[in-house]
Amino acid sequence: MYITAIIKAKEEHREEVLETLQNMVRETIKEEASEQYTLHQGIEDHNTFVFYEIWKNEDGLAGHNEQPYIKAFGNLINEKLQEPPQIYVTQAI
């Protein structure tokens, strides 16, 4: 299971959002179901962050979404981001 998530921070909140995202990486890579969880930052737009994720199964992803560090990110969405995250769930073809 593959996930791509695009997150656009408001300029004035970029550092706070980045710290939260980096903490998500530190914690998520410890999860059993996480095969890959990488964070990228835009070169031209430093306020844009992209996660590339690979999960072993849907149950693992569901468990991930219940973790406190993911819920902490959820608390930033309305105030600190330009728009809700764009999340794409895909499969290799």
PDB file of N, CA and C in Angstrom:
ATOM      1  N   MET A   1       0.851  -1.167   0.000  1.00  0.00           N
ATOM      2  CA  MET A   1       0.000   0.000   0.000  1.00  0.00           C
ATOM      3  C   MET A   1       0.902   1.238   0.000  1.00  0.00           C
ATOM      4  N   TYR A   2       0.646   2.138  -0.929  1.00  0.00           N
ATOM      5  CA  TYR A   2       1.473   3.328  -1.110  1.00  0.00           C
ATOM      6  C   TYR A   2       0.647   4.582  -0.834  1.00  0.00           C
ATOM      7  N   ILE A   3       1.272   5.518  -0.157  1.00  0.00           N
ATOM      8  CA  ILE A   3       0.612   6.790   0.158  1.00  0.00           C
ATOM      9  C   ILE A   3       1.564   7.923  -0.243  1.00  0.00           C
ATOM     10  N   THR A   4       1.010   8.929  -0.876  1.00  0.00           N
ATOM     11  CA  THR A   4       1.720  10.185  -1.098  1.00  0.00           C
ATOM     12  C   THR A   4       0.855  11.266  -0.473  1.00  0.00           C
ATOM     13  N   ALA A   5       1.444  12.057   0.398  1.00  0.00           N
ATOM     14  CA  ALA A   5       0.707  13.128   1.073  1.00  0.00           C
ATOM     15  C   ALA A   5       1.425  14.450   0.825  1.00  0.00           C
ATOM     16  N   ILE A   6       0.684  15.435   0.388  1.00  0.00           N
ATOM     17  CA  ILE A   6       1.235  16.762   0.113  1.00  0.00           C
ATOM     18  C   ILE A   6       0.678  17.731   1.145  1.00  0.00           C
ATOM     19  N   ILE A   7       1.597  18.398   1.835  1.00  0.00           N
ATOM     20  CA  ILE A   7       1.248  19.299   2.933  1.00  0.00           C
ATOM     21  C   ILE A   7       1.826  20.674   2.634  1.00  0.00           C
ATOM     22  N   LYS A   8       0.996  21.690   2.718  1.00  0.00           N
ATOM     23  CA  LYS A   8       1.448  23.055   2.444  1.00  0.00           C
ATOM     24  C   LYS A   8       1.276  23.909   3.697  1.00  0.00           C
ATOM     25  N   ALA A   9       2.393  24.226   4.312  1.00  0.00           N
ATOM     26  CA  ALA A   9       2.382  25.031   5.526  1.00  0.00           C
ATOM     27  C   ALA A   9       2.224  26.511   5.181  1.00  0.00           C
ATOM     28  N   LYS A  10       1.582  27.239   6.073  1.00  0.00           N
ATOM     29  CA  LYS A  10       1.595  28.694   5.953  1.00  0.00           C
ATOM     30  C   LYS A  10       3.014  29.154   6.269  1.00  0.00           C
ATOM     31  N   GLU A  11       3.464  30.169   5.540  1.00  0.00           N
ATOM     32  CA  GLU A  11       4.841  30.668   5.672  1.00  0.00           C
ATOM     33  C   GLU A  11       5.228  30.908   7.133  1.00  0.00           C
ATOM     34  N   GLU A  12       4.343  31.573   7.872  1.00  0.00           N
ATOM     35  CA  GLU A  12       4.673  31.946   9.252  1.00  0.00           C
ATOM     36  C   GLU A  12       4.674  30.754  10.208  1.00  0.00           C
ATOM     37  N   HIS A  13       4.192  29.612   9.762  1.00  0.00           N
ATOM     38  CA  HIS A  13       4.150  28.417  10.618  1.00  0.00           C
ATOM     39  C   HIS A  13       5.038  27.286  10.090  1.00  0.00           C
ATOM     40  N   ARG A  14       5.827  27.577   9.048  1.00  0.00           N
ATOM     41  CA  ARG A  14       6.632  26.532   8.404  1.00  0.00           C
ATOM     42  C   ARG A  14       7.500  25.766   9.385  1.00  0.00           C
ATOM     43  N   GLU A  15       8.230  26.452  10.251  1.00  0.00           N
ATOM     44  CA  GLU A  15       9.150  25.762  11.162  1.00  0.00           C
ATOM     45  C   GLU A  15       8.405  24.865  12.145  1.00  0.00           C
ATOM     46  N   GLU A  16       7.295  25.328  12.665  1.00  0.00           N
ATOM     47  CA  GLU A  16       6.509  24.515  13.592  1.00  0.00           C
ATOM     48  C   GLU A  16       5.947  23.277  12.891  1.00  0.00           C
ATOM     49  N   VAL A  17       5.437  23.472  11.675  1.00  0.00           N
ATOM     50  CA  VAL A  17       4.920  22.335  10.910  1.00  0.00           C
ATOM     51  C   VAL A  17       6.046  21.358  10.610  1.00  0.00           C
ATOM     52  N   LEU A  18       7.199  21.872  10.193  1.00  0.00           N
ATOM     53  CA  LEU A  18       8.350  21.008   9.893  1.00  0.00           C
ATOM     54  C   LEU A  18       8.749  20.184  11.112  1.00  0.00           C
ATOM     55  N   GLU A  19       8.819  20.800  12.269  1.00  0.00           N
ATOM     56  CA  GLU A  19       9.173  20.060  13.491  1.00  0.00           C
ATOM     57  C   GLU A  19       8.170  18.948  13.774  1.00  0.00           C
ATOM     58  N   THR A  20       6.899  19.223  13.582  1.00  0.00           N
ATOM     59  CA  THR A  20       5.864  18.212  13.799  1.00  0.00           C
ATOM     60  C   THR A  20       6.020  17.071  12.799  1.00  0.00           C
ATOM     61  N   LEU A  21       6.265  17.407  11.541  1.00  0.00           N
ATOM     62  CA  LEU A  21       6.435  16.381  10.503  1.00  0.00           C
ATOM     63  C   LEU A  21       7.671  15.528  10.764  1.00  0.00           C
ATOM     64  N   GLN A  22       8.767  16.166  11.175  1.00  0.00           N
ATOM     65  CA  GLN A  22       9.991  15.411  11.470  1.00  0.00           C
ATOM     66  C   GLN A  22       9.780  14.476  12.656  1.00  0.00           C
ATOM     67  N   ASN A  23       9.000  14.890  13.633  1.00  0.00           N
ATOM     68  CA  ASN A  23       8.686  14.006  14.752  1.00  0.00           C
ATOM     69  C   ASN A  23       7.850  12.821  14.267  1.00  0.00           C
ATOM     70  N   MET A  24       6.937  13.066  13.341  1.00  0.00           N
ATOM     71  CA  MET A  24       6.146  11.973  12.774  1.00  0.00           C
ATOM     72  C   MET A  24       7.064  10.938  12.123  1.00  0.00           C
ATOM     73  N   VAL A  25       8.099  11.391  11.429  1.00  0.00           N
ATOM     74  CA  VAL A  25       9.037  10.461  10.795  1.00  0.00           C
ATOM     75  C   VAL A  25       9.768   9.648  11.863  1.00  0.00           C
ATOM     76  N   ARG A  26      10.298  10.332  12.871  1.00  0.00           N
ATOM     77  CA  ARG A  26      11.043   9.632  13.936  1.00  0.00           C
ATOM     78  C   ARG A  26      10.204   8.539  14.577  1.00  0.00           C
ATOM     79  N   GLU A  27       8.935   8.820  14.817  1.00  0.00           N
ATOM     80  CA  GLU A  27       8.058   7.859  15.488  1.00  0.00           C
ATOM     81  C   GLU A  27       7.527   6.786  14.535  1.00  0.00           C
ATOM     82  N   THR A  28       7.171   7.190  13.328  1.00  0.00           N
ATOM     83  CA  THR A  28       6.544   6.254  12.393  1.00  0.00           C
ATOM     84  C   THR A  28       7.502   5.163  11.947  1.00  0.00           C
ATOM     85  N   ILE A  29       8.775   5.479  11.768  1.00  0.00           N
ATOM     86  CA  ILE A  29       9.707   4.446  11.301  1.00  0.00           C
ATOM     87  C   ILE A  29       9.876   3.331  12.335  1.00  0.00           C
ATOM     88  N   LYS A  30       9.412   3.545  13.542  1.00  0.00           N
ATOM     89  CA  LYS A  30       9.442   2.503  14.577  1.00  0.00           C
ATOM     90  C   LYS A  30       8.259   1.543  14.454  1.00  0.00           C
ATOM     91  N   GLU A  31       7.247   1.930  13.683  1.00  0.00           N
ATOM     92  CA  GLU A  31       6.042   1.113  13.569  1.00  0.00           C
ATOM     93  C   GLU A  31       6.319  -0.131  12.727  1.00  0.00           C
ATOM     94  N   GLU A  32       5.822  -1.261  13.180  1.00  0.00           N
ATOM     95  CA  GLU A  32       6.009  -2.542  12.507  1.00  0.00           C
ATOM     96  C   GLU A  32       5.513  -2.535  11.062  1.00  0.00           C
ATOM     97  N   ALA A  33       4.387  -1.903  10.810  1.00  0.00           N
ATOM     98  CA  ALA A  33       3.769  -1.950   9.479  1.00  0.00           C
ATOM     99  C   ALA A  33       4.368  -0.943   8.495  1.00  0.00           C
ATOM    100  N   SER A  34       5.240  -0.058   8.976  1.00  0.00           N
ATOM    101  CA  SER A  34       5.836   0.956   8.109  1.00  0.00           C
ATOM    102  C   SER A  34       7.049   0.380   7.391  1.00  0.00           C
ATOM    103  N   GLU A  35       6.973   0.316   6.066  1.00  0.00           N
ATOM    104  CA  GLU A  35       8.109  -0.152   5.274  1.00  0.00           C
ATOM    105  C   GLU A  35       8.962   1.019   4.793  1.00  0.00           C
ATOM    106  N   GLN A  36       8.331   2.145   4.514  1.00  0.00           N
ATOM    107  CA  GLN A  36       9.052   3.358   4.130  1.00  0.00           C
ATOM    108  C   GLN A  36       8.201   4.556   4.517  1.00  0.00           C
ATOM    109  N   TYR A  37       8.868   5.582   5.035  1.00  0.00           N
ATOM    110  CA  TYR A  37       8.161   6.788   5.456  1.00  0.00           C
ATOM    111  C   TYR A  37       9.153   7.927   5.343  1.00  0.00           C
ATOM    112  N   THR A  38       9.174   8.580   4.191  1.00  0.00           N
ATOM    113  CA  THR A  38      10.157   9.633   3.965  1.00  0.00           C
ATOM    114  C   THR A  38       9.465  10.972   3.752  1.00  0.00           C
ATOM    115  N   LEU A  39      10.115  12.011   4.226  1.00  0.00           N
ATOM    116  CA  LEU A  39       9.609  13.375   4.134  1.00  0.00           C
ATOM    117  C   LEU A  39      10.510  14.172   3.199  1.00  0.00           C
ATOM    118  N   HIS A  40       9.885  14.903   2.282  1.00  0.00           N
ATOM    119  CA  HIS A  40      10.604  15.743   1.336  1.00  0.00           C
ATOM    120  C   HIS A  40      10.100  17.175   1.484  1.00  0.00           C
ATOM    121  N   GLN A  41      10.991  18.132   1.176  1.00  0.00           N
ATOM    122  CA  GLN A  41      10.604  19.546   1.202  1.00  0.00           C
ATOM    123  C   GLN A  41      10.816  20.126  -0.184  1.00  0.00           C
ATOM    124  N   GLY A  42       9.883  20.960  -0.628  1.00  0.00           N
ATOM    125  CA  GLY A  42       9.995  21.582  -1.941  1.00  0.00           C
ATOM    126  C   GLY A  42      11.247  22.434  -2.052  1.00  0.00           C
ATOM    127  N   ILE A  43      11.880  22.391  -3.219  1.00  0.00           N
ATOM    128  CA  ILE A  43      13.067  23.207  -3.472  1.00  0.00           C
ATOM    129  C   ILE A  43      12.662  24.630  -3.823  1.00  0.00           C
ATOM    130  N   GLU A  44      11.660  24.774  -4.659  1.00  0.00           N
ATOM    131  CA  GLU A  44      11.209  26.106  -5.045  1.00  0.00           C
ATOM    132  C   GLU A  44      10.244  26.703  -4.033  1.00  0.00           C
ATOM    133  N   ASP A  45       9.459  25.853  -3.381  1.00  0.00           N
ATOM    134  CA  ASP A  45       8.501  26.311  -2.368  1.00  0.00           C
ATOM    135  C   ASP A  45       8.797  25.569  -1.065  1.00  0.00           C
ATOM    136  N   HIS A  46       9.518  26.214  -0.183  1.00  0.00           N
ATOM    137  CA  HIS A  46       9.934  25.586   1.077  1.00  0.00           C
ATOM    138  C   HIS A  46       8.769  25.326   2.027  1.00  0.00           C
ATOM    139  N   ASN A  47       7.595  25.820   1.702  1.00  0.00           N
ATOM    140  CA  ASN A  47       6.418  25.584   2.536  1.00  0.00           C
ATOM    141  C   ASN A  47       5.692  24.290   2.159  1.00  0.00           C
ATOM    142  N   THR A  48       6.138  23.638   1.089  1.00  0.00           N
ATOM    143  CA  THR A  48       5.512  22.401   0.630  1.00  0.00           C
ATOM    144  C   THR A  48       6.330  21.201   1.092  1.00  0.00           C
ATOM    145  N   PHE A  49       5.627  20.259   1.710  1.00  0.00           N
ATOM    146  CA  PHE A  49       6.241  19.025   2.196  1.00  0.00           C
ATOM    147  C   PHE A  49       5.499  17.848   1.578  1.00  0.00           C
ATOM    148  N   VAL A  50       6.247  16.802   1.251  1.00  0.00           N
ATOM    149  CA  VAL A  50       5.650  15.617   0.648  1.00  0.00           C
ATOM    150  C   VAL A  50       6.126  14.384   1.407  1.00  0.00           C
ATOM    151  N   PHE A  51       5.174  13.577   1.840  1.00  0.00           N
ATOM    152  CA  PHE A  51       5.487  12.280   2.428  1.00  0.00           C
ATOM    153  C   PHE A  51       5.343  11.216   1.352  1.00  0.00           C
ATOM    154  N   TYR A  52       6.278  10.286   1.332  1.00  0.00           N
ATOM    155  CA  TYR A  52       6.134   9.087   0.524  1.00  0.00           C
ATOM    156  C   TYR A  52       6.159   7.924   1.498  1.00  0.00           C
ATOM    157  N   GLU A  53       5.102   7.121   1.469  1.00  0.00           N
ATOM    158  CA  GLU A  53       4.938   6.062   2.461  1.00  0.00           C
ATOM    159  C   GLU A  53       4.650   4.725   1.790  1.00  0.00           C
ATOM    160  N   ILE A  54       5.192   3.669   2.364  1.00  0.00           N
ATOM    161  CA  ILE A  54       4.833   2.318   1.967  1.00  0.00           C
ATOM    162  C   ILE A  54       4.447   1.571   3.240  1.00  0.00           C
ATOM    163  N   TRP A  55       3.266   0.952   3.200  1.00  0.00           N
ATOM    164  CA  TRP A  55       2.718   0.232   4.345  1.00  0.00           C
ATOM    165  C   TRP A  55       2.522  -1.234   4.008  1.00  0.00           C
ATOM    166  N   LYS A  56       2.762  -2.092   4.981  1.00  0.00           N
ATOM    167  CA  LYS A  56       2.597  -3.535   4.778  1.00  0.00           C
ATOM    168  C   LYS A  56       1.147  -3.911   4.539  1.00  0.00           C
ATOM    169  N   ASN A  57       0.225  -3.211   5.207  1.00  0.00           N
ATOM    170  CA  ASN A  57      -1.187  -3.570   5.080  1.00  0.00           C
ATOM    171  C   ASN A  57      -2.073  -2.424   5.578  1.00  0.00           C
ATOM    172  N   GLU A  58      -3.356  -2.568   5.296  1.00  0.00           N
ATOM    173  CA  GLU A  58      -4.323  -1.536   5.691  1.00  0.00           C
ATOM    174  C   GLU A  58      -4.468  -1.430   7.206  1.00  0.00           C
ATOM    175  N   ASP A  59      -4.389  -2.558   7.907  1.00  0.00           N
ATOM    176  CA  ASP A  59      -4.487  -2.524   9.369  1.00  0.00           C
ATOM    177  C   ASP A  59      -3.348  -1.717   9.975  1.00  0.00           C
ATOM    178  N   GLY A  60      -2.155  -1.871   9.419  1.00  0.00           N
ATOM    179  CA  GLY A  60      -1.006  -1.108   9.915  1.00  0.00           C
ATOM    180  C   GLY A  60      -1.186   0.378   9.700  1.00  0.00           C
ATOM    181  N   LEU A  61      -1.711   0.742   8.556  1.00  0.00           N
ATOM    182  CA  LEU A  61      -1.973   2.152   8.268  1.00  0.00           C
ATOM    183  C   LEU A  61      -3.054   2.691   9.195  1.00  0.00           C
ATOM    184  N   ALA A  62      -4.087   1.893   9.425  1.00  0.00           N
ATOM    185  CA  ALA A  62      -5.158   2.321  10.332  1.00  0.00           C
ATOM    186  C   ALA A  62      -4.614   2.558  11.737  1.00  0.00           C
ATOM    187  N   GLY A  63      -3.737   1.665  12.197  1.00  0.00           N
ATOM    188  CA  GLY A  63      -3.116   1.839  13.510  1.00  0.00           C
ATOM    189  C   GLY A  63      -2.247   3.078  13.559  1.00  0.00           C
ATOM    190  N   HIS A  64      -1.533   3.340  12.485  1.00  0.00           N
ATOM    191  CA  HIS A  64      -0.681   4.533  12.382  1.00  0.00           C
ATOM    192  C   HIS A  64      -1.518   5.799  12.570  1.00  0.00           C
ATOM    193  N   ASN A  65      -2.672   5.831  11.928  1.00  0.00           N
ATOM    194  CA  ASN A  65      -3.519   7.022  11.986  1.00  0.00           C
ATOM    195  C   ASN A  65      -4.098   7.280  13.373  1.00  0.00           C
ATOM    196  N   GLU A  66      -4.007   6.318  14.267  1.00  0.00           N
ATOM    197  CA  GLU A  66      -4.494   6.479  15.636  1.00  0.00           C
ATOM    198  C   GLU A  66      -3.402   6.903  16.621  1.00  0.00           C
ATOM    199  N   GLN A  67      -2.165   6.998  16.157  1.00  0.00           N
ATOM    200  CA  GLN A  67      -1.048   7.327  17.046  1.00  0.00           C
ATOM    201  C   GLN A  67      -1.111   8.794  17.484  1.00  0.00           C
ATOM    202  N   PRO A  68      -0.628   9.089  18.701  1.00  0.00           N
ATOM    203  CA  PRO A  68      -0.701  10.467  19.207  1.00  0.00           C
ATOM    204  C   PRO A  68       0.076  11.477  18.356  1.00  0.00           C
ATOM    205  N   TYR A  69       1.168  11.071  17.746  1.00  0.00           N
ATOM    206  CA  TYR A  69       1.943  12.008  16.922  1.00  0.00           C
ATOM    207  C   TYR A  69       1.218  12.322  15.617  1.00  0.00           C
ATOM    208  N   ILE A  70       0.359  11.444  15.154  1.00  0.00           N
ATOM    209  CA  ILE A  70      -0.452  11.738  13.974  1.00  0.00           C
ATOM    210  C   ILE A  70      -1.618  12.649  14.375  1.00  0.00           C
ATOM    211  N   LYS A  71      -2.193  12.399  15.513  1.00  0.00           N
ATOM    212  CA  LYS A  71      -3.270  13.269  16.004  1.00  0.00           C
ATOM    213  C   LYS A  71      -2.737  14.677  16.284  1.00  0.00           C
ATOM    214  N   ALA A  72      -1.491  14.786  16.752  1.00  0.00           N
ATOM    215  CA  ALA A  72      -0.887  16.107  16.985  1.00  0.00           C
ATOM    216  C   ALA A  72      -0.791  16.880  15.669  1.00  0.00           C
ATOM    217  N   PHE A  73      -0.451  16.174  14.593  1.00  0.00           N
ATOM    218  CA  PHE A  73      -0.427  16.820  13.281  1.00  0.00           C
ATOM    219  C   PHE A  73      -1.834  17.301  12.903  1.00  0.00           C
ATOM    220  N   GLY A  74      -2.837  16.495  13.182  1.00  0.00           N
ATOM    221  CA  GLY A  74      -4.215  16.857  12.875  1.00  0.00           C
ATOM    222  C   GLY A  74      -4.625  18.166  13.521  1.00  0.00           C
ATOM    223  N   ASN A  75      -4.046  18.463  14.676  1.00  0.00           N
ATOM    224  CA  ASN A  75      -4.364  19.709  15.374  1.00  0.00           C
ATOM    225  C   ASN A  75      -3.830  20.943  14.654  1.00  0.00           C
ATOM    226  N   LEU A  76      -2.874  20.752  13.737  1.00  0.00           N
ATOM    227  CA  LEU A  76      -2.288  21.889  13.010  1.00  0.00           C
ATOM    228  C   LEU A  76      -3.063  22.261  11.752  1.00  0.00           C
ATOM    229  N   ILE A  77      -3.861  21.331  11.252  1.00  0.00           N
ATOM    230  CA  ILE A  77      -4.411  21.467   9.904  1.00  0.00           C
ATOM    231  C   ILE A  77      -5.178  22.771   9.690  1.00  0.00           C
ATOM    232  N   ASN A  78      -6.109  23.101  10.538  1.00  0.00           N
ATOM    233  CA  ASN A  78      -6.950  24.274  10.294  1.00  0.00           C
ATOM    234  C   ASN A  78      -6.211  25.592  10.412  1.00  0.00           C
ATOM    235  N   GLU A  79      -5.277  25.676  11.340  1.00  0.00           N
ATOM    236  CA  GLU A  79      -4.639  26.962  11.627  1.00  0.00           C
ATOM    237  C   GLU A  79      -3.290  27.149  10.938  1.00  0.00           C
ATOM    238  N   LYS A  80      -2.520  26.079  10.779  1.00  0.00           N
ATOM    239  CA  LYS A  80      -1.125  26.225  10.356  1.00  0.00           C
ATOM    240  C   LYS A  80      -0.865  25.861   8.900  1.00  0.00           C
ATOM    241  N   LEU A  81      -1.853  25.256   8.232  1.00  0.00           N
ATOM    242  CA  LEU A  81      -1.667  24.860   6.838  1.00  0.00           C
ATOM    243  C   LEU A  81      -2.460  25.750   5.900  1.00  0.00           C
ATOM    244  N   GLN A  82      -1.976  25.866   4.669  1.00  0.00           N
ATOM    245  CA  GLN A  82      -2.664  26.657   3.653  1.00  0.00           C
ATOM    246  C   GLN A  82      -3.983  26.017   3.240  1.00  0.00           C
ATOM    247  N   GLU A  83      -4.025  24.690   3.290  1.00  0.00           N
ATOM    248  CA  GLU A  83      -5.193  23.914   2.847  1.00  0.00           C
ATOM    249  C   GLU A  83      -5.091  22.532   3.467  1.00  0.00           C
ATOM    250  N   PRO A  84      -6.167  21.763   3.449  1.00  0.00           N
ATOM    251  CA  PRO A  84      -6.066  20.401   3.976  1.00  0.00           C
ATOM    252  C   PRO A  84      -5.036  19.596   3.177  1.00  0.00           C
ATOM    253  N   PRO A  85      -4.352  18.650   3.815  1.00  0.00           N
ATOM    254  CA  PRO A  85      -3.386  17.827   3.086  1.00  0.00           C
ATOM    255  C   PRO A  85      -4.061  17.081   1.932  1.00  0.00           C
ATOM    256  N   GLN A  86      -3.327  16.933   0.852  1.00  0.00           N
ATOM    257  CA  GLN A  86      -3.774  16.108  -0.264  1.00  0.00           C
ATOM    258  C   GLN A  86      -3.169  14.723  -0.045  1.00  0.00           C
ATOM    259  N   ILE A  87      -3.998  13.706   0.028  1.00  0.00           N
ATOM    260  CA  ILE A  87      -3.513  12.360   0.307  1.00  0.00           C
ATOM    261  C   ILE A  87      -3.938  11.440  -0.826  1.00  0.00           C
ATOM    262  N   TYR A  88      -2.962  10.760  -1.402  1.00  0.00           N
ATOM    263  CA  TYR A  88      -3.203   9.841  -2.495  1.00  0.00           C
ATOM    264  C   TYR A  88      -2.817   8.434  -2.055  1.00  0.00           C
ATOM    265  N   VAL A  89      -3.771   7.509  -2.136  1.00  0.00           N
ATOM    266  CA  VAL A  89      -3.522   6.102  -1.849  1.00  0.00           C
ATOM    267  C   VAL A  89      -3.437   5.408  -3.194  1.00  0.00           C
ATOM    268  N   THR A  90      -2.300   4.753  -3.463  1.00  0.00           N
ATOM    269  CA  THR A  90      -2.075   4.168  -4.776  1.00  0.00           C
ATOM    270  C   THR A  90      -1.567   2.738  -4.665  1.00  0.00           C
ATOM    271  N   GLN A  91      -1.462   2.117  -5.824  1.00  0.00           N
ATOM    272  CA  GLN A  91      -0.863   0.796  -5.903  1.00  0.00           C
ATOM    273  C   GLN A  91       0.072   0.780  -7.106  1.00  0.00           C
ATOM    274  N   ALA A  92       1.081  -0.063  -7.046  1.00  0.00           N
ATOM    275  CA  ALA A  92       1.998  -0.193  -8.173  1.00  0.00           C
ATOM    276  C   ALA A  92       1.291  -0.923  -9.303  1.00  0.00           C
ATOM    277  N   ILE A  93       1.534  -0.477 -10.534  1.00  0.00           N
ATOM    278  CA  ILE A  93       0.920  -1.147 -11.688  1.00  0.00           C
ATOM    279  C   ILE A  93       1.984  -1.473 -12.718  1.00  0.00           C
TER     280      ILE A  93
END
